[in-house]
Amino acid sequence: MDQVCDACGRIRERPGSAVCEHCGAGAADAGAADAESSGVPDRAPDPVAAPRRRDRDEEGRARSARPRDGLGRPLPYGAPGVARQPEGVPRTPAQSLTEAQRLLDDGMPFHAHEVLEDAWKAAPEAERELWRGLAQLAVGLTHAARGNAVGGTALLDRGAAAIAPYADAAPYGIDIAGLMAWARELTVRLTGSGAVPAAESAPRLRATGEATENRPTGDEV
């Protein structure tokens, strides 16, 4: 099943659990609910009914096969969608940052979060919160681009807090200070507007000079 709960947008601590430990949403059909739905079924499941088969990837891991659009919103089965990022791809930190940046620049923060989540799961213990925070920032932008100000604000705040301890010695050229400023300014934008444009609002993950400064307002290219 997905590492991110579609109901609350948080990264799951226990991906094998049938219930999101953050919001309590059921996850038997991960990906079935949209970002703004409650995830709580209208009625209790029928104990006589046959259990629903979970979608699984080629290696047998539970993962929703529902097609999704460019912002990760689930579409009806059989509808054309944007291909998900393959799970468990081995990448160096630099490769993860490059691929995530490409997806962010292309207006696909949900897909960027999948790359960053892979990096989080593979990272050494000392870096796990860093990569988790970056993934949360990508999910926050996803919510913001969907028009979900509450979810976007929550994930942006959580991601910024997770990466903050790395500000004094940011590894891999990650622009911790710039990302935190971007998250703060995007949060301010969400208090008075609807959906933000994903690509134009995307941050720069690494500080490599003026050409790659963060773009907190979405107005600078």
N, C-alpha and C. Protein backbone atom coordinates (compact mmCIF):
# COMPACT_ATOMS: atom_id res chain seq x y z
N MET A 1 0.85 -1.18 0.00
CA MET A 1 0.00 0.00 0.00
C MET A 1 0.89 1.24 0.00
N ASP A 2 0.29 2.36 -0.29
CA ASP A 2 1.07 3.58 -0.39
C ASP A 2 1.65 3.98 0.95
N GLN A 3 2.80 4.60 0.91
CA GLN A 3 3.43 5.10 2.12
C GLN A 3 2.75 6.36 2.62
N VAL A 4 2.03 7.08 1.75
CA VAL A 4 1.34 8.30 2.15
C VAL A 4 -0.15 8.03 2.23
N CYS A 5 -0.76 8.40 3.34
CA CYS A 5 -2.20 8.24 3.52
C CYS A 5 -2.91 9.26 2.65
N ASP A 6 -3.83 8.80 1.80
CA ASP A 6 -4.56 9.71 0.93
C ASP A 6 -5.55 10.57 1.70
N ALA A 7 -5.92 10.14 2.90
CA ALA A 7 -6.89 10.91 3.67
C ALA A 7 -6.25 12.12 4.33
N CYS A 8 -5.09 11.92 5.00
CA CYS A 8 -4.48 13.03 5.73
C CYS A 8 -3.18 13.51 5.11
N GLY A 9 -2.63 12.75 4.16
CA GLY A 9 -1.42 13.17 3.47
C GLY A 9 -0.14 12.88 4.20
N ARG A 10 -0.21 12.24 5.36
CA ARG A 10 1.01 11.97 6.12
C ARG A 10 1.68 10.69 5.65
N ILE A 11 3.00 10.65 5.79
CA ILE A 11 3.75 9.45 5.47
C ILE A 11 3.51 8.43 6.57
N ARG A 12 3.16 7.23 6.20
CA ARG A 12 2.84 6.20 7.18
C ARG A 12 4.07 5.74 7.94
N GLU A 13 3.94 5.63 9.24
CA GLU A 13 5.02 5.10 10.08
C GLU A 13 5.05 3.59 9.99
N ARG A 14 3.87 2.98 9.87
CA ARG A 14 3.76 1.51 9.80
C ARG A 14 3.01 1.16 8.53
N PRO A 15 3.73 1.06 7.40
CA PRO A 15 3.06 0.84 6.12
C PRO A 15 2.29 -0.47 6.04
N GLY A 16 2.54 -1.42 6.93
CA GLY A 16 1.80 -2.68 6.88
C GLY A 16 0.48 -2.62 7.60
N SER A 17 0.21 -1.53 8.32
CA SER A 17 -1.02 -1.44 9.09
C SER A 17 -2.20 -1.15 8.18
N ALA A 18 -3.38 -1.68 8.54
CA ALA A 18 -4.59 -1.45 7.76
C ALA A 18 -5.22 -0.10 8.06
N VAL A 19 -4.74 0.58 9.09
CA VAL A 19 -5.30 1.86 9.49
C VAL A 19 -4.18 2.88 9.63
N CYS A 20 -4.39 4.07 9.12
CA CYS A 20 -3.40 5.13 9.26
C CYS A 20 -3.28 5.51 10.72
N GLU A 21 -2.07 5.46 11.25
CA GLU A 21 -1.88 5.75 12.67
C GLU A 21 -2.02 7.24 12.98
N HIS A 22 -2.04 8.09 11.94
CA HIS A 22 -2.16 9.53 12.17
C HIS A 22 -3.62 9.98 12.23
N CYS A 23 -4.43 9.53 11.25
CA CYS A 23 -5.81 10.01 11.18
C CYS A 23 -6.85 8.91 11.36
N GLY A 24 -6.43 7.65 11.38
CA GLY A 24 -7.35 6.56 11.59
C GLY A 24 -8.06 6.09 10.35
N ALA A 25 -7.70 6.63 9.19
CA ALA A 25 -8.37 6.24 7.96
C ALA A 25 -8.06 4.79 7.62
N GLY A 26 -9.07 4.05 7.17
CA GLY A 26 -8.86 2.69 6.73
C GLY A 26 -8.07 2.67 5.45
N ALA A 27 -7.27 1.63 5.24
CA ALA A 27 -6.38 1.60 4.07
C ALA A 27 -6.49 0.29 3.31
N ALA A 28 -7.62 -0.38 3.36
CA ALA A 28 -7.77 -1.63 2.62
C ALA A 28 -7.67 -1.41 1.14
N ASP A 29 -8.10 -0.21 0.71
CA ASP A 29 -8.00 0.13 -0.71
C ASP A 29 -7.21 1.41 -0.82
N ALA A 30 -5.91 1.32 -0.53
CA ALA A 30 -5.06 2.51 -0.51
C ALA A 30 -5.13 3.22 -1.83
N GLY A 31 -5.27 4.52 -1.78
CA GLY A 31 -5.36 5.32 -3.00
C GLY A 31 -6.77 5.54 -3.45
N ALA A 32 -7.78 4.90 -2.82
CA ALA A 32 -9.15 5.04 -3.29
C ALA A 32 -9.72 6.40 -2.91
N ALA A 33 -9.28 6.96 -1.78
CA ALA A 33 -9.81 8.24 -1.34
C ALA A 33 -8.96 9.37 -1.87
N ASP A 34 -9.57 10.50 -2.12
CA ASP A 34 -8.82 11.67 -2.57
C ASP A 34 -8.21 12.36 -1.36
N ALA A 35 -7.35 13.37 -1.63
CA ALA A 35 -6.63 14.02 -0.53
C ALA A 35 -7.58 14.67 0.46
N GLU A 36 -8.74 15.13 0.01
CA GLU A 36 -9.64 15.84 0.90
C GLU A 36 -10.67 14.94 1.58
N SER A 37 -10.76 13.66 1.24
CA SER A 37 -11.78 12.79 1.81
C SER A 37 -11.38 12.36 3.21
N SER A 38 -12.35 11.89 3.97
CA SER A 38 -12.08 11.52 5.35
C SER A 38 -11.44 10.17 5.47
N GLY A 39 -11.65 9.29 4.51
CA GLY A 39 -11.10 7.94 4.58
C GLY A 39 -11.89 7.03 5.48
N VAL A 40 -13.01 7.50 6.07
CA VAL A 40 -13.81 6.68 6.96
C VAL A 40 -14.99 6.11 6.18
N PRO A 41 -15.19 4.79 6.17
CA PRO A 41 -16.27 4.20 5.39
C PRO A 41 -17.63 4.63 5.92
N ASP A 42 -18.64 4.68 5.02
CA ASP A 42 -19.98 5.09 5.41
C ASP A 42 -20.66 4.06 6.31
N ARG A 43 -20.28 2.80 6.18
CA ARG A 43 -20.89 1.77 7.01
C ARG A 43 -19.86 0.70 7.31
N ALA A 44 -20.13 -0.10 8.30
CA ALA A 44 -19.19 -1.15 8.69
C ALA A 44 -19.07 -2.18 7.57
N PRO A 45 -17.89 -2.77 7.38
CA PRO A 45 -17.71 -3.76 6.33
C PRO A 45 -18.54 -5.00 6.61
N ASP A 46 -19.01 -5.62 5.55
CA ASP A 46 -19.80 -6.83 5.66
C ASP A 46 -18.89 -7.99 6.05
N PRO A 47 -19.08 -8.60 7.23
CA PRO A 47 -18.17 -9.67 7.65
C PRO A 47 -18.29 -10.92 6.80
N VAL A 48 -19.39 -11.02 6.04
CA VAL A 48 -19.59 -12.21 5.20
C VAL A 48 -18.96 -12.03 3.83
N ALA A 49 -18.80 -10.77 3.44
CA ALA A 49 -18.28 -10.50 2.11
C ALA A 49 -16.84 -10.99 1.97
N ALA A 50 -16.50 -11.39 0.75
CA ALA A 50 -15.14 -11.85 0.49
C ALA A 50 -14.18 -10.69 0.63
N PRO A 51 -12.99 -10.91 1.19
CA PRO A 51 -12.03 -9.81 1.35
C PRO A 51 -11.59 -9.27 0.00
N ARG A 52 -11.41 -7.95 -0.05
CA ARG A 52 -10.97 -7.31 -1.29
C ARG A 52 -9.51 -7.60 -1.53
N ARG A 53 -9.17 -7.97 -2.74
CA ARG A 53 -7.79 -8.23 -3.09
C ARG A 53 -7.03 -6.91 -3.17
N ARG A 54 -5.89 -6.88 -2.54
CA ARG A 54 -5.07 -5.68 -2.62
C ARG A 54 -4.24 -5.72 -3.88
N ASP A 55 -4.08 -4.54 -4.47
CA ASP A 55 -3.18 -4.44 -5.61
C ASP A 55 -1.76 -4.69 -5.13
N ARG A 56 -0.99 -5.36 -5.95
CA ARG A 56 0.41 -5.62 -5.60
C ARG A 56 1.29 -5.34 -6.80
N ASP A 57 2.55 -4.96 -6.51
CA ASP A 57 3.47 -4.69 -7.60
C ASP A 57 4.07 -6.01 -8.07
N GLU A 58 5.04 -5.91 -8.99
CA GLU A 58 5.60 -7.12 -9.59
C GLU A 58 6.33 -8.00 -8.59
N GLU A 59 6.76 -7.40 -7.47
CA GLU A 59 7.48 -8.16 -6.46
C GLU A 59 6.57 -8.61 -5.32
N GLY A 60 5.27 -8.43 -5.50
CA GLY A 60 4.32 -8.91 -4.52
C GLY A 60 4.02 -7.95 -3.39
N ARG A 61 4.59 -6.74 -3.41
CA ARG A 61 4.33 -5.78 -2.36
C ARG A 61 3.00 -5.08 -2.61
N ALA A 62 2.23 -4.88 -1.52
CA ALA A 62 0.94 -4.22 -1.65
C ALA A 62 1.14 -2.78 -2.10
N ARG A 63 0.49 -2.42 -3.20
CA ARG A 63 0.58 -1.06 -3.70
C ARG A 63 -0.59 -0.81 -4.64
N SER A 64 -1.28 0.29 -4.44
CA SER A 64 -2.45 0.58 -5.25
C SER A 64 -2.08 0.69 -6.72
N ALA A 65 -2.86 0.00 -7.55
CA ALA A 65 -2.63 0.04 -9.00
C ALA A 65 -3.57 1.02 -9.69
N ARG A 66 -4.36 1.74 -8.90
CA ARG A 66 -5.27 2.71 -9.52
C ARG A 66 -4.47 3.76 -10.26
N PRO A 67 -4.92 4.12 -11.45
CA PRO A 67 -4.23 5.20 -12.17
C PRO A 67 -4.41 6.52 -11.43
N ARG A 68 -3.43 7.39 -11.56
CA ARG A 68 -3.47 8.70 -10.93
C ARG A 68 -3.16 9.77 -11.96
N ASP A 69 -3.63 10.98 -11.66
CA ASP A 69 -3.32 12.09 -12.55
C ASP A 69 -1.96 12.67 -12.19
N GLY A 70 -1.61 13.79 -12.80
CA GLY A 70 -0.29 14.37 -12.60
C GLY A 70 -0.03 14.86 -11.20
N LEU A 71 -1.09 15.04 -10.40
CA LEU A 71 -0.93 15.45 -9.00
C LEU A 71 -1.21 14.30 -8.04
N GLY A 72 -1.22 13.08 -8.58
CA GLY A 72 -1.38 11.92 -7.72
C GLY A 72 -2.79 11.61 -7.30
N ARG A 73 -3.80 12.31 -7.84
CA ARG A 73 -5.18 12.04 -7.46
C ARG A 73 -5.65 10.77 -8.13
N PRO A 74 -6.30 9.87 -7.37
CA PRO A 74 -6.74 8.60 -7.96
C PRO A 74 -7.82 8.80 -9.00
N LEU A 75 -7.72 8.05 -10.08
CA LEU A 75 -8.69 8.06 -11.16
C LEU A 75 -9.41 6.71 -11.18
N PRO A 76 -10.52 6.60 -11.88
CA PRO A 76 -11.21 5.31 -11.97
C PRO A 76 -10.30 4.26 -12.62
N TYR A 77 -10.46 3.01 -12.20
CA TYR A 77 -9.70 1.93 -12.82
C TYR A 77 -9.97 1.92 -14.32
N GLY A 78 -8.92 1.75 -15.10
CA GLY A 78 -9.04 1.71 -16.55
C GLY A 78 -8.84 3.05 -17.21
N ALA A 79 -8.85 4.14 -16.44
CA ALA A 79 -8.65 5.48 -17.01
C ALA A 79 -7.16 5.69 -17.28
N PRO A 80 -6.83 6.47 -18.32
CA PRO A 80 -5.41 6.77 -18.55
C PRO A 80 -4.89 7.67 -17.45
N GLY A 81 -3.72 7.39 -16.98
CA GLY A 81 -3.14 8.20 -15.91
C GLY A 81 -1.66 8.42 -16.14
N VAL A 82 -1.04 9.11 -15.20
CA VAL A 82 0.40 9.36 -15.24
C VAL A 82 1.10 8.23 -14.50
N ALA A 83 2.09 7.64 -15.11
CA ALA A 83 2.77 6.48 -14.53
C ALA A 83 3.38 6.85 -13.18
N ARG A 84 3.21 5.97 -12.20
CA ARG A 84 3.83 6.13 -10.90
C ARG A 84 5.33 5.91 -11.01
N GLN A 85 6.07 6.45 -10.07
CA GLN A 85 7.50 6.20 -10.01
C GLN A 85 7.73 4.78 -9.51
N PRO A 86 8.62 4.03 -10.14
CA PRO A 86 8.89 2.66 -9.66
C PRO A 86 9.44 2.70 -8.25
N GLU A 87 9.01 1.75 -7.45
CA GLU A 87 9.40 1.72 -6.04
C GLU A 87 10.67 0.92 -5.84
N GLY A 88 11.52 1.37 -4.93
CA GLY A 88 12.71 0.62 -4.57
C GLY A 88 13.86 0.75 -5.55
N VAL A 89 13.86 1.81 -6.36
CA VAL A 89 14.96 2.00 -7.31
C VAL A 89 16.19 2.49 -6.54
N PRO A 90 17.33 1.80 -6.67
CA PRO A 90 18.53 2.26 -5.97
C PRO A 90 19.10 3.52 -6.62
N ARG A 91 19.27 4.56 -5.85
CA ARG A 91 19.82 5.82 -6.35
C ARG A 91 20.79 6.36 -5.31
N THR A 92 21.79 7.07 -5.77
CA THR A 92 22.63 7.81 -4.86
C THR A 92 21.84 9.03 -4.38
N PRO A 93 22.25 9.67 -3.28
CA PRO A 93 21.55 10.88 -2.86
C PRO A 93 21.49 11.93 -3.97
N ALA A 94 22.58 12.10 -4.70
CA ALA A 94 22.60 13.09 -5.78
C ALA A 94 21.59 12.73 -6.86
N GLN A 95 21.50 11.44 -7.20
CA GLN A 95 20.54 11.01 -8.21
C GLN A 95 19.10 11.21 -7.73
N SER A 96 18.86 10.95 -6.46
CA SER A 96 17.52 11.16 -5.90
C SER A 96 17.13 12.63 -5.99
N LEU A 97 18.05 13.50 -5.63
CA LEU A 97 17.76 14.93 -5.68
C LEU A 97 17.54 15.42 -7.11
N THR A 98 18.34 14.91 -8.03
CA THR A 98 18.19 15.31 -9.43
C THR A 98 16.86 14.86 -10.00
N GLU A 99 16.49 13.61 -9.73
CA GLU A 99 15.22 13.09 -10.26
C GLU A 99 14.03 13.79 -9.60
N ALA A 100 14.10 14.00 -8.29
CA ALA A 100 13.01 14.70 -7.62
C ALA A 100 12.88 16.12 -8.14
N GLN A 101 14.00 16.80 -8.39
CA GLN A 101 13.94 18.16 -8.92
C GLN A 101 13.31 18.18 -10.30
N ARG A 102 13.65 17.20 -11.12
CA ARG A 102 13.05 17.13 -12.47
C ARG A 102 11.53 17.02 -12.38
N LEU A 103 11.06 16.17 -11.49
CA LEU A 103 9.63 15.97 -11.34
C LEU A 103 8.95 17.21 -10.76
N LEU A 104 9.59 17.86 -9.81
CA LEU A 104 9.05 19.10 -9.28
C LEU A 104 8.94 20.16 -10.37
N ASP A 105 9.99 20.28 -11.17
CA ASP A 105 9.98 21.27 -12.24
C ASP A 105 8.93 20.97 -13.30
N ASP A 106 8.58 19.69 -13.43
CA ASP A 106 7.57 19.28 -14.40
C ASP A 106 6.15 19.35 -13.82
N GLY A 107 6.02 19.86 -12.60
CA GLY A 107 4.71 20.00 -12.00
C GLY A 107 4.14 18.71 -11.45
N MET A 108 5.02 17.79 -11.01
CA MET A 108 4.56 16.51 -10.47
C MET A 108 5.15 16.27 -9.09
N PRO A 109 4.76 17.09 -8.11
CA PRO A 109 5.32 16.93 -6.77
C PRO A 109 4.96 15.61 -6.11
N PHE A 110 3.79 15.04 -6.45
CA PHE A 110 3.44 13.75 -5.88
C PHE A 110 4.45 12.69 -6.30
N HIS A 111 4.82 12.71 -7.56
CA HIS A 111 5.80 11.75 -8.06
C HIS A 111 7.19 12.03 -7.49
N ALA A 112 7.49 13.32 -7.27
CA ALA A 112 8.76 13.66 -6.63
C ALA A 112 8.81 13.10 -5.22
N HIS A 113 7.68 13.13 -4.52
CA HIS A 113 7.66 12.59 -3.16
C HIS A 113 7.96 11.10 -3.16
N GLU A 114 7.55 10.38 -4.21
CA GLU A 114 7.83 8.95 -4.27
C GLU A 114 9.33 8.68 -4.37
N VAL A 115 10.03 9.51 -5.13
CA VAL A 115 11.48 9.39 -5.24
C VAL A 115 12.14 9.71 -3.90
N LEU A 116 11.69 10.78 -3.26
CA LEU A 116 12.27 11.17 -1.98
C LEU A 116 11.93 10.17 -0.88
N GLU A 117 10.78 9.55 -0.99
CA GLU A 117 10.41 8.52 -0.01
C GLU A 117 11.30 7.30 -0.15
N ASP A 118 11.64 6.93 -1.38
CA ASP A 118 12.59 5.85 -1.59
C ASP A 118 13.92 6.18 -0.93
N ALA A 119 14.37 7.44 -1.10
CA ALA A 119 15.62 7.86 -0.47
C ALA A 119 15.52 7.81 1.05
N TRP A 120 14.37 8.19 1.58
CA TRP A 120 14.15 8.14 3.03
C TRP A 120 14.27 6.71 3.55
N LYS A 121 13.65 5.78 2.86
CA LYS A 121 13.68 4.39 3.32
C LYS A 121 15.07 3.77 3.22
N ALA A 122 15.90 4.28 2.29
CA ALA A 122 17.24 3.72 2.11
C ALA A 122 18.31 4.48 2.87
N ALA A 123 17.96 5.62 3.45
CA ALA A 123 18.96 6.48 4.08
C ALA A 123 19.47 5.91 5.39
N PRO A 124 20.72 6.25 5.76
CA PRO A 124 21.21 5.88 7.08
C PRO A 124 20.40 6.60 8.15
N GLU A 125 20.41 6.06 9.35
CA GLU A 125 19.57 6.59 10.42
C GLU A 125 19.75 8.09 10.63
N ALA A 126 20.99 8.57 10.53
CA ALA A 126 21.26 9.97 10.78
C ALA A 126 20.62 10.91 9.75
N GLU A 127 20.25 10.38 8.58
CA GLU A 127 19.68 11.21 7.52
C GLU A 127 18.20 10.95 7.27
N ARG A 128 17.62 10.03 8.02
CA ARG A 128 16.25 9.64 7.71
C ARG A 128 15.25 10.80 7.83
N GLU A 129 15.38 11.60 8.87
CA GLU A 129 14.45 12.71 9.04
C GLU A 129 14.63 13.77 7.96
N LEU A 130 15.85 13.90 7.46
CA LEU A 130 16.09 14.85 6.37
C LEU A 130 15.28 14.46 5.13
N TRP A 131 15.43 13.20 4.71
CA TRP A 131 14.73 12.76 3.50
C TRP A 131 13.23 12.67 3.72
N ARG A 132 12.84 12.30 4.93
CA ARG A 132 11.42 12.28 5.24
C ARG A 132 10.83 13.69 5.15
N GLY A 133 11.57 14.66 5.67
CA GLY A 133 11.11 16.04 5.59
C GLY A 133 10.99 16.54 4.16
N LEU A 134 11.96 16.18 3.32
CA LEU A 134 11.89 16.58 1.91
C LEU A 134 10.67 15.96 1.24
N ALA A 135 10.39 14.69 1.55
CA ALA A 135 9.21 14.04 0.99
C ALA A 135 7.93 14.74 1.46
N GLN A 136 7.91 15.14 2.73
CA GLN A 136 6.74 15.83 3.25
C GLN A 136 6.54 17.19 2.58
N LEU A 137 7.62 17.88 2.28
CA LEU A 137 7.50 19.15 1.57
C LEU A 137 6.89 18.93 0.19
N ALA A 138 7.28 17.85 -0.48
CA ALA A 138 6.72 17.55 -1.79
C ALA A 138 5.23 17.22 -1.68
N VAL A 139 4.85 16.49 -0.62
CA VAL A 139 3.43 16.20 -0.41
C VAL A 139 2.68 17.49 -0.10
N GLY A 140 3.31 18.39 0.67
CA GLY A 140 2.67 19.66 0.97
C GLY A 140 2.39 20.45 -0.30
N LEU A 141 3.34 20.48 -1.22
CA LEU A 141 3.11 21.16 -2.49
C LEU A 141 2.02 20.46 -3.28
N THR A 142 1.97 19.13 -3.19
CA THR A 142 0.91 18.39 -3.86
C THR A 142 -0.45 18.84 -3.38
N HIS A 143 -0.63 18.92 -2.07
CA HIS A 143 -1.90 19.38 -1.52
C HIS A 143 -2.19 20.82 -1.95
N ALA A 144 -1.17 21.66 -1.91
CA ALA A 144 -1.36 23.06 -2.30
C ALA A 144 -1.81 23.16 -3.75
N ALA A 145 -1.25 22.34 -4.62
CA ALA A 145 -1.62 22.36 -6.03
C ALA A 145 -3.01 21.77 -6.26
N ARG A 146 -3.46 20.94 -5.33
CA ARG A 146 -4.82 20.39 -5.42
C ARG A 146 -5.85 21.35 -4.85
N GLY A 147 -5.41 22.42 -4.20
CA GLY A 147 -6.32 23.36 -3.59
C GLY A 147 -6.67 23.03 -2.16
N ASN A 148 -5.94 22.10 -1.54
CA ASN A 148 -6.18 21.69 -0.16
C ASN A 148 -5.24 22.49 0.74
N ALA A 149 -5.69 23.68 1.17
CA ALA A 149 -4.85 24.56 1.97
C ALA A 149 -4.52 23.96 3.33
N VAL A 150 -5.48 23.30 3.96
CA VAL A 150 -5.25 22.73 5.28
C VAL A 150 -4.19 21.63 5.22
N GLY A 151 -4.35 20.70 4.29
CA GLY A 151 -3.37 19.63 4.15
C GLY A 151 -2.02 20.15 3.72
N GLY A 152 -2.02 21.13 2.81
CA GLY A 152 -0.75 21.69 2.36
C GLY A 152 0.01 22.37 3.48
N THR A 153 -0.70 23.16 4.28
CA THR A 153 -0.06 23.86 5.38
C THR A 153 0.52 22.88 6.39
N ALA A 154 -0.26 21.83 6.72
CA ALA A 154 0.19 20.85 7.71
C ALA A 154 1.46 20.16 7.26
N LEU A 155 1.51 19.74 5.99
CA LEU A 155 2.68 19.00 5.51
C LEU A 155 3.87 19.91 5.30
N LEU A 156 3.65 21.14 4.86
CA LEU A 156 4.76 22.08 4.70
C LEU A 156 5.39 22.39 6.05
N ASP A 157 4.55 22.61 7.06
CA ASP A 157 5.07 22.88 8.41
C ASP A 157 5.85 21.68 8.94
N ARG A 158 5.29 20.49 8.74
CA ARG A 158 5.93 19.28 9.25
C ARG A 158 7.26 19.02 8.54
N GLY A 159 7.27 19.22 7.22
CA GLY A 159 8.50 19.00 6.47
C GLY A 159 9.59 19.99 6.85
N ALA A 160 9.20 21.25 7.01
CA ALA A 160 10.18 22.27 7.38
C ALA A 160 10.78 21.98 8.75
N ALA A 161 9.94 21.51 9.68
CA ALA A 161 10.43 21.17 11.02
C ALA A 161 11.39 19.99 10.98
N ALA A 162 11.13 19.04 10.08
CA ALA A 162 11.97 17.85 10.00
C ALA A 162 13.36 18.15 9.45
N ILE A 163 13.45 19.09 8.50
CA ILE A 163 14.76 19.38 7.90
C ILE A 163 15.54 20.44 8.67
N ALA A 164 14.85 21.18 9.55
CA ALA A 164 15.51 22.28 10.26
C ALA A 164 16.78 21.88 11.00
N PRO A 165 16.83 20.73 11.68
CA PRO A 165 18.05 20.37 12.41
C PRO A 165 19.29 20.19 11.53
N TYR A 166 19.11 20.09 10.22
CA TYR A 166 20.24 19.87 9.32
C TYR A 166 20.77 21.18 8.74
N ALA A 167 20.24 22.31 9.18
CA ALA A 167 20.59 23.59 8.57
C ALA A 167 22.06 23.95 8.74
N ASP A 168 22.67 23.58 9.85
CA ASP A 168 24.05 23.98 10.10
C ASP A 168 25.06 23.17 9.30
N ALA A 169 24.68 21.99 8.87
CA ALA A 169 25.59 21.15 8.10
C ALA A 169 24.80 20.37 7.07
N ALA A 170 24.20 21.10 6.13
CA ALA A 170 23.33 20.48 5.14
C ALA A 170 24.13 19.58 4.20
N PRO A 171 23.77 18.30 4.10
CA PRO A 171 24.51 17.40 3.21
C PRO A 171 24.03 17.53 1.76
N TYR A 172 24.90 17.12 0.85
CA TYR A 172 24.57 17.01 -0.57
C TYR A 172 24.16 18.34 -1.20
N GLY A 173 24.55 19.45 -0.59
CA GLY A 173 24.21 20.76 -1.15
C GLY A 173 22.76 21.12 -1.02
N ILE A 174 22.00 20.42 -0.18
CA ILE A 174 20.58 20.73 -0.01
C ILE A 174 20.43 22.10 0.64
N ASP A 175 19.56 22.91 0.06
CA ASP A 175 19.36 24.28 0.54
C ASP A 175 18.33 24.28 1.66
N ILE A 176 18.75 23.90 2.86
CA ILE A 176 17.83 23.79 3.99
C ILE A 176 17.17 25.15 4.28
N ALA A 177 17.98 26.19 4.40
CA ALA A 177 17.44 27.51 4.72
C ALA A 177 16.47 27.98 3.64
N GLY A 178 16.85 27.77 2.39
CA GLY A 178 15.98 28.19 1.29
C GLY A 178 14.67 27.42 1.26
N LEU A 179 14.74 26.12 1.54
CA LEU A 179 13.52 25.31 1.56
C LEU A 179 12.60 25.71 2.70
N MET A 180 13.17 26.02 3.84
CA MET A 180 12.35 26.45 4.97
C MET A 180 11.67 27.79 4.66
N ALA A 181 12.39 28.70 4.03
CA ALA A 181 11.80 29.98 3.65
C ALA A 181 10.70 29.77 2.60
N TRP A 182 10.96 28.89 1.64
CA TRP A 182 9.95 28.58 0.62
C TRP A 182 8.68 28.03 1.26
N ALA A 183 8.83 27.11 2.21
CA ALA A 183 7.67 26.51 2.87
C ALA A 183 6.87 27.56 3.62
N ARG A 184 7.57 28.46 4.32
CA ARG A 184 6.87 29.51 5.07
C ARG A 184 6.08 30.42 4.13
N GLU A 185 6.69 30.82 3.04
CA GLU A 185 6.03 31.76 2.13
C GLU A 185 4.89 31.09 1.37
N LEU A 186 5.06 29.82 1.02
CA LEU A 186 3.97 29.12 0.35
C LEU A 186 2.80 28.94 1.31
N THR A 187 3.08 28.69 2.58
CA THR A 187 2.02 28.58 3.57
C THR A 187 1.22 29.86 3.67
N VAL A 188 1.91 30.99 3.63
CA VAL A 188 1.22 32.29 3.67
C VAL A 188 0.31 32.44 2.45
N ARG A 189 0.78 32.02 1.30
CA ARG A 189 -0.03 32.11 0.08
C ARG A 189 -1.30 31.27 0.19
N LEU A 190 -1.21 30.14 0.88
CA LEU A 190 -2.35 29.24 0.96
C LEU A 190 -3.48 29.79 1.81
N THR A 191 -3.18 30.77 2.67
CA THR A 191 -4.23 31.32 3.53
C THR A 191 -5.21 32.20 2.77
N GLY A 192 -4.83 32.64 1.59
CA GLY A 192 -5.72 33.55 0.88
C GLY A 192 -5.95 33.21 -0.58
N SER A 193 -5.70 31.96 -0.97
CA SER A 193 -5.88 31.61 -2.37
C SER A 193 -6.28 30.16 -2.51
N GLY A 194 -6.66 29.80 -3.72
CA GLY A 194 -7.00 28.42 -3.99
C GLY A 194 -5.76 27.64 -4.36
N ALA A 195 -5.91 26.78 -5.36
CA ALA A 195 -4.79 25.95 -5.79
C ALA A 195 -3.67 26.80 -6.35
N VAL A 196 -2.44 26.38 -6.09
CA VAL A 196 -1.28 27.07 -6.65
C VAL A 196 -0.75 26.26 -7.83
N PRO A 197 -0.12 26.88 -8.79
CA PRO A 197 0.46 26.13 -9.91
C PRO A 197 1.67 25.33 -9.44
N ALA A 198 1.65 24.02 -9.68
CA ALA A 198 2.67 23.15 -9.10
C ALA A 198 4.08 23.47 -9.62
N ALA A 199 4.23 23.55 -10.93
CA ALA A 199 5.57 23.75 -11.49
C ALA A 199 6.12 25.12 -11.13
N GLU A 200 5.29 26.16 -11.25
CA GLU A 200 5.77 27.51 -10.97
C GLU A 200 6.06 27.72 -9.49
N SER A 201 5.44 26.91 -8.63
CA SER A 201 5.64 27.06 -7.19
C SER A 201 6.68 26.11 -6.63
N ALA A 202 7.28 25.30 -7.47
CA ALA A 202 8.21 24.28 -7.00
C ALA A 202 9.48 24.90 -6.41
N PRO A 203 10.03 24.29 -5.37
CA PRO A 203 11.26 24.80 -4.77
C PRO A 203 12.49 24.26 -5.48
N ARG A 204 13.64 24.81 -5.17
CA ARG A 204 14.91 24.24 -5.57
C ARG A 204 15.45 23.46 -4.38
N LEU A 205 15.80 22.24 -4.60
CA LEU A 205 16.26 21.38 -3.51
C LEU A 205 17.70 21.66 -3.11
N ARG A 206 18.50 22.07 -4.08
CA ARG A 206 19.92 22.29 -3.80
C ARG A 206 20.32 23.72 -4.10
N ALA A 207 21.25 24.23 -3.33
CA ALA A 207 21.77 25.58 -3.54
C ALA A 207 23.06 25.47 -4.33
N THR A 208 23.00 25.82 -5.59
CA THR A 208 24.19 25.74 -6.44
C THR A 208 24.45 27.06 -7.15
N GLY A 209 24.00 28.15 -6.56
CA GLY A 209 24.20 29.44 -7.19
C GLY A 209 22.88 30.14 -7.43
N GLU A 210 22.95 31.37 -7.93
CA GLU A 210 21.75 32.18 -8.11
C GLU A 210 20.76 31.55 -9.08
N ALA A 211 21.26 30.76 -10.03
CA ALA A 211 20.35 30.19 -11.03
C ALA A 211 19.42 29.16 -10.44
N THR A 212 19.73 28.65 -9.24
CA THR A 212 18.88 27.63 -8.66
C THR A 212 18.33 28.06 -7.30
N GLU A 213 18.12 29.35 -7.13
CA GLU A 213 17.51 29.82 -5.90
C GLU A 213 16.09 29.30 -5.77
N ASN A 214 15.58 29.23 -4.53
CA ASN A 214 14.21 28.82 -4.33
C ASN A 214 13.26 29.85 -4.89
N ARG A 215 12.06 29.35 -5.22
CA ARG A 215 11.05 30.23 -5.79
C ARG A 215 9.81 30.19 -4.90
N PRO A 216 9.84 30.89 -3.77
CA PRO A 216 8.76 30.76 -2.81
C PRO A 216 7.43 31.31 -3.29
N THR A 217 7.44 32.30 -4.15
CA THR A 217 6.17 32.92 -4.55
C THR A 217 5.61 32.34 -5.83
N GLY A 218 6.38 31.57 -6.57
CA GLY A 218 5.89 31.02 -7.82
C GLY A 218 5.96 32.01 -8.97
N ASP A 219 6.43 33.23 -8.70
CA ASP A 219 6.47 34.26 -9.73
C ASP A 219 7.81 34.31 -10.44
N GLU A 220 8.84 33.73 -9.82
CA GLU A 220 10.16 33.77 -10.42
C GLU A 220 10.46 32.47 -11.14
N VAL A 221 11.10 32.54 -12.23
CA VAL A 221 11.43 31.35 -13.02
C VAL A 221 12.93 31.29 -13.21
